[in-house]
Protein backbone atom coordinates (compact mmCIF):
# COMPACT_ATOMS: atom_id res chain seq x y z
CA HIS A 1 -1.08 -85.55 170.34
CA ALA A 2 -2.16 -85.24 174.00
CA SER A 3 1.32 -84.04 174.89
CA GLY A 4 1.12 -81.15 172.42
CA GLN A 5 3.43 -82.89 169.98
CA LEU A 6 3.30 -85.70 167.44
CA LEU A 7 4.13 -89.10 168.88
CA ARG A 8 4.77 -90.86 165.55
CA PRO A 9 5.77 -89.68 162.09
CA VAL A 10 3.06 -89.15 159.48
CA LEU A 11 3.96 -90.44 156.02
CA VAL A 12 2.41 -89.98 152.60
CA SER A 13 3.01 -92.04 149.47
CA LEU A 14 1.61 -92.75 146.03
CA GLU A 15 0.33 -96.25 145.41
CA ASP A 16 3.63 -97.20 143.73
CA GLY A 17 5.41 -96.47 147.03
CA GLU A 18 6.98 -93.10 146.18
CA GLY A 19 6.83 -90.72 149.12
CA GLY A 20 8.42 -89.84 152.41
CA VAL A 21 8.03 -88.48 155.91
CA LEU A 22 5.97 -85.32 156.06
CA LEU A 23 5.69 -84.73 159.80
CA ASN A 24 8.34 -85.90 162.21
CA PRO A 25 7.69 -87.16 165.74
CA ARG A 26 8.16 -84.75 168.65
CA GLU A 27 7.22 -81.73 166.51
CA PRO A 28 5.13 -79.24 168.47
CA LEU A 29 1.56 -78.81 167.25
CA PRO A 30 0.33 -77.34 165.04
CA ALA A 31 2.88 -78.78 162.60
CA GLN A 32 2.87 -79.07 158.85
CA GLY A 33 4.96 -80.65 156.15
CA LYS A 34 5.10 -80.50 152.39
CA LEU A 35 6.34 -83.05 149.89
CA THR A 36 6.41 -83.01 146.10
CA LEU A 37 5.17 -86.27 144.62
CA ARG A 38 5.53 -87.30 141.01
CA ALA A 39 2.37 -88.79 139.52
CA ASN A 40 3.57 -91.16 136.81
CA GLU A 41 0.25 -92.09 135.24
CA LYS A 42 0.46 -90.79 131.67
CA GLY A 43 -2.50 -88.57 130.98
CA GLY A 44 -4.09 -89.24 134.37
CA THR A 45 -6.03 -86.43 136.02
CA GLU A 46 -6.20 -88.12 139.45
CA ALA A 47 -3.68 -89.59 141.89
CA ARG A 48 -4.44 -91.90 144.83
CA VAL A 49 -2.28 -91.03 147.81
CA ARG A 50 -1.90 -93.10 151.00
CA LEU A 51 -1.51 -91.54 154.40
CA GLN A 52 -0.13 -93.54 157.32
CA GLN A 53 1.22 -93.04 160.82
CA GLY A 54 4.41 -94.66 162.00
CA GLN A 55 7.39 -96.06 160.19
CA ALA A 56 8.33 -99.61 159.23
CA GLY A 57 11.28 -100.97 161.18
CA LEU A 58 10.59 -99.09 164.41
CA GLY A 59 9.14 -102.06 166.27
CA SER A 60 5.63 -101.80 164.83
CA SER A 61 3.92 -101.67 161.48
CA PRO A 62 2.74 -98.35 160.08
CA ARG A 63 -0.96 -97.69 160.77
CA PRO A 64 -2.99 -96.75 157.68
CA LEU A 65 -4.91 -93.52 158.20
CA GLY A 66 -6.64 -93.49 154.83
CA VAL A 67 -6.36 -92.90 151.14
CA PHE A 68 -7.18 -89.63 149.49
CA VAL A 69 -7.67 -88.86 145.81
CA VAL A 70 -6.18 -85.71 144.34
CA LYS A 71 -8.33 -84.61 141.39
CA GLY A 72 -8.04 -82.03 138.63
CA ILE A 73 -4.39 -82.76 137.82
CA THR A 74 -3.19 -81.28 134.54
CA PRO A 75 -1.08 -83.99 132.88
CA ALA A 76 2.47 -83.01 131.93
CA ALA A 77 3.67 -83.47 128.36
CA ASP A 78 6.35 -85.94 129.51
CA GLY A 79 3.85 -87.91 131.62
CA VAL A 80 5.48 -87.04 134.97
CA THR A 81 3.40 -84.57 136.97
CA ASN A 82 4.57 -82.86 140.17
CA ILE A 83 1.96 -82.57 142.92
CA ASP A 84 2.65 -80.62 146.12
CA CYS A 85 0.97 -82.44 149.03
CA ARG A 86 0.61 -80.75 152.41
CA VAL A 87 -0.47 -82.32 155.69
CA GLU A 88 -1.16 -80.25 158.78
CA ALA A 89 -1.59 -81.77 162.25
CA THR A 90 -3.67 -79.63 164.61
CA PRO A 91 -3.51 -79.60 168.43
CA ASP A 92 -6.91 -81.36 168.60
CA GLY A 93 -5.58 -84.36 166.63
CA ARG A 94 -7.00 -83.60 163.18
CA LEU A 95 -4.97 -84.02 160.00
CA ILE A 96 -5.75 -81.58 157.21
CA VAL A 97 -4.64 -82.67 153.73
CA SER A 98 -4.33 -80.37 150.74
CA ALA A 99 -2.65 -80.59 147.33
CA GLY A 100 -1.64 -78.23 144.58
CA GLN A 101 -0.05 -78.12 141.16
CA ASP A 102 1.78 -75.15 139.64
CA GLY A 103 0.46 -72.75 142.28
CA ARG A 104 -3.22 -73.78 142.12
CA MET A 105 -5.10 -75.80 144.71
CA LEU A 106 -6.46 -79.19 143.66
CA PRO A 107 -9.60 -80.89 145.00
CA VAL A 108 -8.86 -83.64 147.52
CA GLU A 109 -11.41 -86.36 148.39
CA TRP A 110 -11.09 -89.08 151.03
CA ALA A 111 -11.46 -92.66 149.79
CA GLY A 112 -11.32 -94.30 153.26
CA LEU A 113 -8.96 -97.16 153.93
CA ALA A 114 -9.21 -98.57 150.40
């Protein structure tokens, strides 16, 4: 981030591997990305989401940044719940993570590198 842009992509995924690139490299800071994830745990009110930097296959392994837990999810009748995850990278190197469902913000708690 010292150059005023991201040097590696930032990815987010559920523990089952669903996810994708949120923030692409070489984006000027501040930058943000949004991705809709589908929480497949029937009746679950929480989802554990992994955040990592880098991409497999680019000469190095992705670097885990942490796991966060999205809480207060209202389960869908069909068991598949859409969660909007947002990650913002600031010029000082911080990543701000937020999540929402159906237009309401959900509590997000860090769980470290679990």
